[in-house]
Amino acid sequence: MKDGIHPRYQDTLARCGCGNTFTTRSTVPEIKVDICNVCHPFFTGKLKFVDTAGRIEKFKSKFAGAGYASLKKKKAGAEAPAS
């Protein structure tokens, strides 16, 4: 390594918006994060889908009866098998 061109790698205190703090290593002395493993919905088990525009319901209503209908459709120009 060349001298004087690399940043100093040091112990860093990371602070979350929920109040949790933990130590990691970085080139900056302090890191502020919005969400961490203590308050993230995936780790807490309180996973919620935020759907203010109603996109999930719109998708479900649009494709509710379809199922695998696209697989059952015959291609245009394809001949039916002779029985």
Protein backbone atom coordinates (compact mmCIF):
# COMPACT_ATOMS: atom_id res chain seq x y z
CA MET A 1 0.00 0.00 0.00
CA LYS A 2 1.16 3.49 -0.76
CA ASP A 3 1.50 5.84 2.17
CA GLY A 4 -0.84 8.80 2.49
CA ILE A 5 -3.49 7.88 -0.12
CA HIS A 6 -5.78 5.60 1.89
CA PRO A 7 -8.41 6.89 4.35
CA ARG A 8 -8.07 5.93 8.00
CA TYR A 9 -10.12 2.80 8.80
CA GLN A 10 -11.45 3.13 12.35
CA ASP A 11 -14.06 1.95 14.82
CA THR A 12 -17.32 3.73 14.07
CA LEU A 13 -20.42 4.32 16.16
CA ALA A 14 -23.62 3.83 14.15
CA ARG A 15 -26.78 5.48 15.51
CA CYS A 16 -30.26 4.53 14.35
CA GLY A 17 -33.37 6.71 14.38
CA CYS A 18 -34.97 4.31 16.89
CA GLY A 19 -32.19 5.02 19.42
CA ASN A 20 -30.20 1.82 18.93
CA THR A 21 -26.42 2.19 18.65
CA PHE A 22 -23.82 -0.33 17.55
CA THR A 23 -20.15 -0.36 16.68
CA THR A 24 -18.78 -1.19 13.28
CA ARG A 25 -15.75 -0.15 11.24
CA SER A 26 -15.65 2.55 8.60
CA THR A 27 -13.65 5.51 7.33
CA VAL A 28 -15.93 8.01 9.10
CA PRO A 29 -16.19 8.41 12.89
CA GLU A 30 -20.01 8.32 13.11
CA ILE A 31 -22.82 6.99 10.93
CA LYS A 32 -26.50 7.95 11.29
CA VAL A 33 -29.01 5.49 9.81
CA ASP A 34 -32.80 5.62 9.54
CA ILE A 35 -33.46 1.93 10.18
CA CYS A 36 -31.51 -0.94 11.73
CA ASN A 37 -31.99 -4.61 12.58
CA VAL A 38 -33.78 -3.72 15.83
CA CYS A 39 -36.54 -1.68 14.20
CA HIS A 40 -36.66 -3.11 10.64
CA PRO A 41 -40.01 -4.86 9.98
CA PHE A 42 -38.32 -7.94 8.49
CA PHE A 43 -36.39 -8.63 11.70
CA THR A 44 -39.16 -7.62 14.12
CA GLY A 45 -41.81 -9.80 12.43
CA LYS A 46 -44.19 -6.85 12.07
CA LEU A 47 -44.04 -6.78 8.29
CA LYS A 48 -46.67 -4.49 6.77
CA PHE A 49 -47.31 -3.60 3.17
CA VAL A 50 -47.87 0.12 2.80
CA ASP A 51 -50.27 0.47 -0.11
CA THR A 52 -51.65 3.98 -0.19
CA ALA A 53 -52.56 3.91 -3.87
CA GLY A 54 -54.50 0.63 -3.68
CA ARG A 55 -52.15 -1.11 -6.13
CA ILE A 56 -52.30 -4.50 -4.42
CA GLU A 57 -56.11 -4.62 -4.44
CA LYS A 58 -56.17 -3.41 -8.05
CA PHE A 59 -53.78 -6.20 -9.07
CA LYS A 60 -55.74 -8.85 -7.16
CA SER A 61 -59.07 -7.77 -8.69
CA LYS A 62 -57.58 -7.62 -12.18
CA PHE A 63 -56.07 -11.09 -12.06
CA ALA A 64 -58.40 -12.80 -9.58
CA GLY A 65 -60.20 -15.04 -12.03
CA ALA A 66 -57.37 -15.45 -14.52
CA GLY A 67 -55.27 -18.03 -12.71
CA TYR A 68 -53.31 -19.90 -15.35
CA ALA A 69 -55.55 -18.74 -18.19
CA SER A 70 -52.61 -17.49 -20.19
CA LEU A 71 -51.19 -21.01 -20.26
CA LYS A 72 -54.50 -22.50 -21.43
CA LYS A 73 -54.86 -20.15 -24.40
CA LYS A 74 -54.00 -21.59 -27.78
CA LYS A 75 -51.64 -19.66 -29.99
CA ALA A 76 -53.13 -17.94 -33.01
CA GLY A 77 -52.61 -20.00 -36.14
CA ALA A 78 -51.90 -23.23 -34.25
CA GLU A 79 -53.97 -26.16 -35.38
CA ALA A 80 -55.96 -28.22 -32.92
CA PRO A 81 -54.72 -31.83 -32.57
CA ALA A 82 -56.74 -34.36 -34.57
CA SER A 83 -58.77 -36.77 -32.47
